[in-house]
């Protein structure tokens, strides 16, 4: 996600030995917010040297990564002047089904590659 604390809270916090090691060295987000903020990519979007086009797909029923994280990331990218296309894939989980790929994800992906990679100048 664009905010590293979200990532830390969701995946790292349940791992007690790993959290103890991080806490001993850097503290936790509440005690050392500057450190954890510096790990967050969101603020860096405005300073990005290249702001090439980004295509972001996210399943609305993702049980692994919260859909709201991609919504926030796309909004931060837009605010930073990045050409981002955010595509919510209705009803899909983290790994899209074959039906989703056949139903438009693959063609949108290929059109993006053709336009922004194959025909890039």
N, C-alpha and C. Protein backbone atom coordinates (compact mmCIF):
# COMPACT_ATOMS: atom_id res chain seq x y z
N UNK A 1 0.83 -1.20 0.00
CA UNK A 1 0.00 0.00 0.00
C UNK A 1 0.86 1.26 0.00
N UNK A 2 0.23 2.36 -0.25
CA UNK A 2 0.97 3.62 -0.26
C UNK A 2 1.41 4.05 1.13
N UNK A 3 0.78 3.53 2.18
CA UNK A 3 1.15 3.82 3.56
C UNK A 3 1.75 2.56 4.18
N UNK A 4 3.04 2.59 4.48
CA UNK A 4 3.72 1.40 4.98
C UNK A 4 3.13 0.90 6.30
N UNK A 5 2.60 1.79 7.11
CA UNK A 5 2.03 1.37 8.39
C UNK A 5 0.87 0.39 8.16
N UNK A 6 0.10 0.59 7.11
CA UNK A 6 -0.97 -0.37 6.79
C UNK A 6 -0.38 -1.75 6.54
N UNK A 7 0.67 -1.81 5.76
CA UNK A 7 1.34 -3.06 5.44
C UNK A 7 1.90 -3.70 6.72
N UNK A 8 2.57 -2.91 7.53
CA UNK A 8 3.16 -3.39 8.78
C UNK A 8 2.08 -3.96 9.69
N UNK A 9 0.99 -3.24 9.84
CA UNK A 9 -0.09 -3.68 10.72
C UNK A 9 -0.73 -4.97 10.24
N UNK A 10 -0.93 -5.09 8.94
CA UNK A 10 -1.62 -6.26 8.40
C UNK A 10 -0.75 -7.52 8.39
N UNK A 11 0.52 -7.40 7.97
CA UNK A 11 1.32 -8.60 7.76
C UNK A 11 2.46 -8.79 8.76
N UNK A 12 3.03 -7.74 9.27
CA UNK A 12 4.17 -7.88 10.16
C UNK A 12 3.76 -8.03 11.61
N UNK A 13 2.79 -7.25 12.05
CA UNK A 13 2.39 -7.24 13.45
C UNK A 13 2.05 -8.63 14.00
N UNK A 14 1.42 -9.51 13.23
CA UNK A 14 1.13 -10.84 13.77
C UNK A 14 2.38 -11.70 14.03
N UNK A 15 3.52 -11.33 13.47
CA UNK A 15 4.76 -12.09 13.62
C UNK A 15 5.54 -11.52 14.80
N UNK A 16 5.27 -12.02 16.00
CA UNK A 16 5.83 -11.44 17.23
C UNK A 16 7.36 -11.36 17.26
N UNK A 17 8.11 -12.41 16.85
CA UNK A 17 9.58 -12.28 16.87
C UNK A 17 10.08 -11.18 15.92
N UNK A 18 9.47 -11.08 14.76
CA UNK A 18 9.88 -10.05 13.80
C UNK A 18 9.55 -8.66 14.33
N UNK A 19 8.39 -8.51 14.95
CA UNK A 19 8.01 -7.21 15.51
C UNK A 19 8.97 -6.81 16.63
N UNK A 20 9.36 -7.78 17.47
CA UNK A 20 10.29 -7.48 18.57
C UNK A 20 11.62 -6.96 18.02
N UNK A 21 12.09 -7.57 16.96
CA UNK A 21 13.36 -7.13 16.36
C UNK A 21 13.23 -5.73 15.76
N UNK A 22 12.14 -5.48 15.08
CA UNK A 22 11.91 -4.15 14.50
C UNK A 22 11.76 -3.11 15.59
N UNK A 23 11.00 -3.45 16.61
CA UNK A 23 10.78 -2.51 17.72
C UNK A 23 12.10 -2.17 18.41
N UNK A 24 12.95 -3.17 18.62
CA UNK A 24 14.24 -2.93 19.27
C UNK A 24 15.12 -1.98 18.46
N UNK A 25 15.01 -2.06 17.16
CA UNK A 25 15.88 -1.24 16.30
C UNK A 25 15.27 0.11 15.91
N UNK A 26 13.95 0.10 15.62
CA UNK A 26 13.34 1.31 15.06
C UNK A 26 12.13 1.81 15.82
N UNK A 27 11.68 1.06 16.82
CA UNK A 27 10.44 1.41 17.49
C UNK A 27 9.25 0.89 16.68
N UNK A 28 8.08 1.35 17.03
CA UNK A 28 6.85 0.99 16.33
C UNK A 28 6.24 2.25 15.72
N UNK A 29 5.27 2.10 14.85
CA UNK A 29 4.69 3.29 14.19
C UNK A 29 4.25 4.39 15.16
N UNK A 30 3.72 4.02 16.32
CA UNK A 30 3.27 5.04 17.29
C UNK A 30 4.44 5.77 17.94
N UNK A 31 5.56 5.07 18.14
CA UNK A 31 6.69 5.69 18.83
C UNK A 31 7.71 6.32 17.89
N UNK A 32 7.69 5.93 16.61
CA UNK A 32 8.65 6.47 15.64
C UNK A 32 7.95 6.69 14.29
N UNK A 33 6.95 7.56 14.26
CA UNK A 33 6.19 7.74 13.02
C UNK A 33 7.02 8.24 11.85
N UNK A 34 8.06 9.02 12.10
CA UNK A 34 8.88 9.53 11.00
C UNK A 34 9.58 8.40 10.26
N UNK A 35 10.08 7.41 10.99
CA UNK A 35 10.74 6.27 10.35
C UNK A 35 9.78 5.52 9.44
N UNK A 36 8.60 5.23 9.96
CA UNK A 36 7.64 4.44 9.18
C UNK A 36 7.05 5.26 8.03
N UNK A 37 6.92 6.54 8.22
CA UNK A 37 6.44 7.40 7.13
C UNK A 37 7.44 7.42 5.99
N UNK A 38 8.72 7.40 6.34
CA UNK A 38 9.76 7.41 5.29
C UNK A 38 9.75 6.14 4.46
N UNK A 39 9.17 5.08 4.98
CA UNK A 39 9.06 3.82 4.23
C UNK A 39 7.83 3.79 3.33
N UNK A 40 6.97 4.78 3.48
CA UNK A 40 5.72 4.82 2.72
C UNK A 40 5.97 5.42 1.35
N UNK A 41 5.44 4.77 0.33
CA UNK A 41 5.66 5.22 -1.04
C UNK A 41 4.75 6.39 -1.42
N UNK A 42 3.59 6.49 -0.79
CA UNK A 42 2.63 7.52 -1.16
C UNK A 42 3.19 8.92 -1.27
N UNK A 43 3.90 9.42 -0.23
CA UNK A 43 4.46 10.77 -0.32
C UNK A 43 5.48 10.94 -1.45
N UNK A 44 6.11 9.86 -1.86
CA UNK A 44 7.14 9.95 -2.90
C UNK A 44 6.57 10.12 -4.30
N UNK A 45 5.29 9.88 -4.48
CA UNK A 45 4.71 10.03 -5.82
C UNK A 45 4.94 11.42 -6.38
N UNK A 46 4.85 12.45 -5.53
CA UNK A 46 5.02 13.82 -6.01
C UNK A 46 6.44 14.11 -6.44
N UNK A 47 7.41 13.43 -5.83
CA UNK A 47 8.81 13.65 -6.18
C UNK A 47 9.31 12.71 -7.27
N UNK A 48 8.46 11.83 -7.74
CA UNK A 48 8.88 10.85 -8.75
C UNK A 48 9.45 11.55 -9.98
N UNK A 49 10.60 11.10 -10.43
CA UNK A 49 11.23 11.71 -11.61
C UNK A 49 10.47 11.35 -12.88
N UNK A 50 9.96 10.15 -12.92
CA UNK A 50 9.14 9.75 -14.06
C UNK A 50 7.73 9.53 -13.58
N UNK A 51 6.82 9.96 -14.38
CA UNK A 51 5.41 9.82 -14.03
C UNK A 51 4.69 9.14 -15.18
N UNK A 52 5.33 8.10 -15.67
CA UNK A 52 4.75 7.34 -16.77
C UNK A 52 3.42 6.73 -16.38
N UNK A 53 2.69 6.29 -17.37
CA UNK A 53 1.36 5.76 -17.12
C UNK A 53 1.39 4.49 -16.27
N UNK A 54 0.38 4.36 -15.43
CA UNK A 54 0.25 3.22 -14.53
C UNK A 54 -1.13 2.61 -14.73
N UNK A 55 -1.19 1.30 -14.82
CA UNK A 55 -2.45 0.57 -14.89
C UNK A 55 -2.55 -0.25 -13.63
N UNK A 56 -3.61 -0.02 -12.86
CA UNK A 56 -3.78 -0.68 -11.57
C UNK A 56 -5.11 -1.41 -11.55
N UNK A 57 -5.05 -2.74 -11.49
CA UNK A 57 -6.23 -3.57 -11.35
C UNK A 57 -6.35 -4.00 -9.89
N UNK A 58 -7.58 -4.08 -9.39
CA UNK A 58 -7.78 -4.61 -8.04
C UNK A 58 -9.17 -5.22 -7.95
N UNK A 59 -9.23 -6.45 -7.46
CA UNK A 59 -10.51 -7.12 -7.27
C UNK A 59 -11.27 -6.50 -6.11
N UNK A 60 -12.55 -6.23 -6.32
CA UNK A 60 -13.36 -5.61 -5.27
C UNK A 60 -13.65 -6.56 -4.12
N UNK A 61 -13.46 -7.86 -4.32
CA UNK A 61 -13.69 -8.85 -3.26
C UNK A 61 -12.37 -9.45 -2.77
N UNK A 62 -11.29 -8.72 -2.89
CA UNK A 62 -9.97 -9.20 -2.49
C UNK A 62 -9.95 -9.45 -0.98
N UNK A 63 -9.65 -10.67 -0.59
CA UNK A 63 -9.57 -11.01 0.83
C UNK A 63 -8.14 -10.93 1.36
N UNK A 64 -7.19 -10.67 0.48
CA UNK A 64 -5.79 -10.57 0.87
C UNK A 64 -5.38 -9.11 1.09
N UNK A 65 -5.57 -8.30 0.10
CA UNK A 65 -5.16 -6.90 0.14
C UNK A 65 -6.40 -6.02 0.06
N UNK A 66 -6.62 -5.17 1.06
CA UNK A 66 -7.84 -4.35 1.05
C UNK A 66 -7.98 -3.50 -0.23
N UNK A 67 -9.14 -3.55 -0.80
CA UNK A 67 -9.46 -2.78 -2.00
C UNK A 67 -9.19 -1.29 -1.78
N UNK A 68 -9.48 -0.82 -0.57
CA UNK A 68 -9.29 0.61 -0.27
C UNK A 68 -7.84 1.04 -0.42
N UNK A 69 -6.89 0.12 -0.26
CA UNK A 69 -5.48 0.49 -0.44
C UNK A 69 -5.22 0.93 -1.87
N UNK A 70 -5.78 0.24 -2.82
CA UNK A 70 -5.57 0.63 -4.22
C UNK A 70 -6.32 1.91 -4.55
N UNK A 71 -7.49 2.08 -3.96
CA UNK A 71 -8.22 3.33 -4.17
C UNK A 71 -7.39 4.51 -3.68
N UNK A 72 -6.82 4.39 -2.50
CA UNK A 72 -5.99 5.45 -1.93
C UNK A 72 -4.74 5.68 -2.77
N UNK A 73 -4.10 4.59 -3.18
CA UNK A 73 -2.88 4.70 -3.99
C UNK A 73 -3.17 5.40 -5.31
N UNK A 74 -4.26 5.02 -5.96
CA UNK A 74 -4.62 5.65 -7.24
C UNK A 74 -4.90 7.14 -7.04
N UNK A 75 -5.58 7.50 -5.96
CA UNK A 75 -5.87 8.91 -5.69
C UNK A 75 -4.58 9.70 -5.45
N UNK A 76 -3.65 9.12 -4.68
CA UNK A 76 -2.37 9.79 -4.44
C UNK A 76 -1.57 9.96 -5.73
N UNK A 77 -1.62 8.95 -6.58
CA UNK A 77 -0.93 9.06 -7.87
C UNK A 77 -1.53 10.17 -8.71
N UNK A 78 -2.84 10.22 -8.78
CA UNK A 78 -3.50 11.28 -9.56
C UNK A 78 -3.13 12.65 -9.02
N UNK A 79 -3.17 12.80 -7.69
CA UNK A 79 -2.79 14.07 -7.06
C UNK A 79 -1.36 14.47 -7.39
N UNK A 80 -0.50 13.48 -7.61
CA UNK A 80 0.91 13.74 -7.92
C UNK A 80 1.14 13.95 -9.42
N UNK A 81 0.07 13.91 -10.20
CA UNK A 81 0.21 14.14 -11.64
C UNK A 81 0.57 12.90 -12.43
N UNK A 82 0.43 11.74 -11.83
CA UNK A 82 0.73 10.49 -12.53
C UNK A 82 -0.51 10.07 -13.30
N UNK A 83 -0.30 9.66 -14.52
CA UNK A 83 -1.39 9.17 -15.37
C UNK A 83 -1.71 7.75 -14.95
N UNK A 84 -2.69 7.60 -14.07
CA UNK A 84 -3.04 6.28 -13.54
C UNK A 84 -4.45 5.89 -13.99
N UNK A 85 -4.56 4.67 -14.43
CA UNK A 85 -5.87 4.10 -14.76
C UNK A 85 -6.14 3.04 -13.72
N UNK A 86 -7.15 3.27 -12.89
CA UNK A 86 -7.51 2.33 -11.84
C UNK A 86 -8.73 1.55 -12.30
N UNK A 87 -8.60 0.23 -12.33
CA UNK A 87 -9.68 -0.63 -12.81
C UNK A 87 -10.14 -1.56 -11.69
N UNK A 88 -11.28 -1.25 -11.06
CA UNK A 88 -11.83 -2.20 -10.10
C UNK A 88 -12.40 -3.40 -10.87
N UNK A 89 -12.04 -4.60 -10.44
CA UNK A 89 -12.53 -5.80 -11.10
C UNK A 89 -13.61 -6.38 -10.19
N UNK A 90 -14.83 -6.17 -10.58
CA UNK A 90 -15.99 -6.49 -9.74
C UNK A 90 -16.05 -7.96 -9.34
N UNK A 91 -16.18 -8.17 -8.03
CA UNK A 91 -16.38 -9.50 -7.49
C UNK A 91 -15.16 -10.40 -7.48
N UNK A 92 -14.01 -9.89 -7.91
CA UNK A 92 -12.82 -10.73 -7.99
C UNK A 92 -11.98 -10.64 -6.72
N UNK A 93 -11.30 -11.74 -6.43
CA UNK A 93 -10.42 -11.84 -5.28
C UNK A 93 -9.02 -11.38 -5.69
N UNK A 94 -8.02 -11.72 -4.91
CA UNK A 94 -6.65 -11.27 -5.17
C UNK A 94 -6.10 -11.82 -6.49
N UNK A 95 -6.35 -13.08 -6.73
CA UNK A 95 -5.97 -13.69 -8.01
C UNK A 95 -7.23 -13.76 -8.86
N UNK A 96 -7.21 -13.10 -10.00
CA UNK A 96 -8.41 -13.02 -10.83
C UNK A 96 -8.73 -14.37 -11.46
N UNK A 97 -10.01 -14.61 -11.61
CA UNK A 97 -10.48 -15.85 -12.24
C UNK A 97 -10.23 -15.80 -13.75
N UNK A 98 -10.28 -16.97 -14.37
CA UNK A 98 -10.17 -17.04 -15.83
C UNK A 98 -11.28 -16.21 -16.48
N UNK A 99 -12.46 -16.24 -15.89
CA UNK A 99 -13.59 -15.47 -16.44
C UNK A 99 -13.28 -13.97 -16.44
N UNK A 100 -12.64 -13.48 -15.39
CA UNK A 100 -12.28 -12.05 -15.33
C UNK A 100 -11.26 -11.72 -16.42
N UNK A 101 -10.28 -12.60 -16.59
CA UNK A 101 -9.27 -12.36 -17.63
C UNK A 101 -9.92 -12.35 -19.01
N UNK A 102 -10.78 -13.33 -19.25
CA UNK A 102 -11.46 -13.39 -20.55
C UNK A 102 -12.49 -12.27 -20.69
N UNK A 103 -13.01 -11.81 -19.56
CA UNK A 103 -14.08 -10.81 -19.59
C UNK A 103 -13.62 -9.37 -19.72
N UNK A 104 -12.32 -9.14 -19.87
CA UNK A 104 -11.88 -7.78 -20.10
C UNK A 104 -10.53 -7.41 -19.51
N UNK A 105 -10.10 -8.09 -18.44
CA UNK A 105 -8.83 -7.73 -17.83
C UNK A 105 -7.68 -7.91 -18.82
N UNK A 106 -7.65 -9.05 -19.50
CA UNK A 106 -6.55 -9.31 -20.44
C UNK A 106 -6.53 -8.31 -21.57
N UNK A 107 -7.68 -8.00 -22.13
CA UNK A 107 -7.71 -7.06 -23.26
C UNK A 107 -7.33 -5.64 -22.80
N UNK A 108 -7.75 -5.24 -21.60
CA UNK A 108 -7.35 -3.92 -21.09
C UNK A 108 -5.85 -3.88 -20.85
N UNK A 109 -5.32 -4.96 -20.30
CA UNK A 109 -3.89 -5.03 -20.05
C UNK A 109 -3.10 -4.96 -21.36
N UNK A 110 -3.50 -5.75 -22.32
CA UNK A 110 -2.78 -5.76 -23.60
C UNK A 110 -2.89 -4.42 -24.33
N UNK A 111 -4.06 -3.77 -24.27
CA UNK A 111 -4.22 -2.46 -24.89
C UNK A 111 -3.30 -1.43 -24.23
N UNK A 112 -3.17 -1.51 -22.92
CA UNK A 112 -2.28 -0.62 -22.18
C UNK A 112 -0.83 -0.84 -22.61
N UNK A 113 -0.41 -2.10 -22.69
CA UNK A 113 0.96 -2.43 -23.11
C UNK A 113 1.19 -1.95 -24.55
N UNK A 114 0.24 -2.22 -25.43
CA UNK A 114 0.40 -1.78 -26.83
C UNK A 114 0.56 -0.27 -26.92
N UNK A 115 -0.26 0.45 -26.18
CA UNK A 115 -0.24 1.92 -26.25
C UNK A 115 0.99 2.51 -25.57
N UNK A 116 1.33 2.02 -24.38
CA UNK A 116 2.32 2.69 -23.56
C UNK A 116 3.72 2.05 -23.56
N UNK A 117 3.81 0.84 -24.09
CA UNK A 117 5.12 0.19 -24.14
C UNK A 117 5.52 -0.04 -25.59
N UNK A 118 4.71 -0.77 -26.30
CA UNK A 118 5.06 -1.10 -27.68
C UNK A 118 5.12 0.12 -28.59
N UNK A 119 4.25 1.10 -28.36
CA UNK A 119 4.21 2.29 -29.20
C UNK A 119 4.80 3.52 -28.52
N UNK A 120 5.48 3.32 -27.40
CA UNK A 120 6.07 4.44 -26.68
C UNK A 120 7.16 5.10 -27.52
N UNK A 121 7.25 6.38 -27.38
CA UNK A 121 8.27 7.14 -28.12
C UNK A 121 9.23 7.77 -27.17
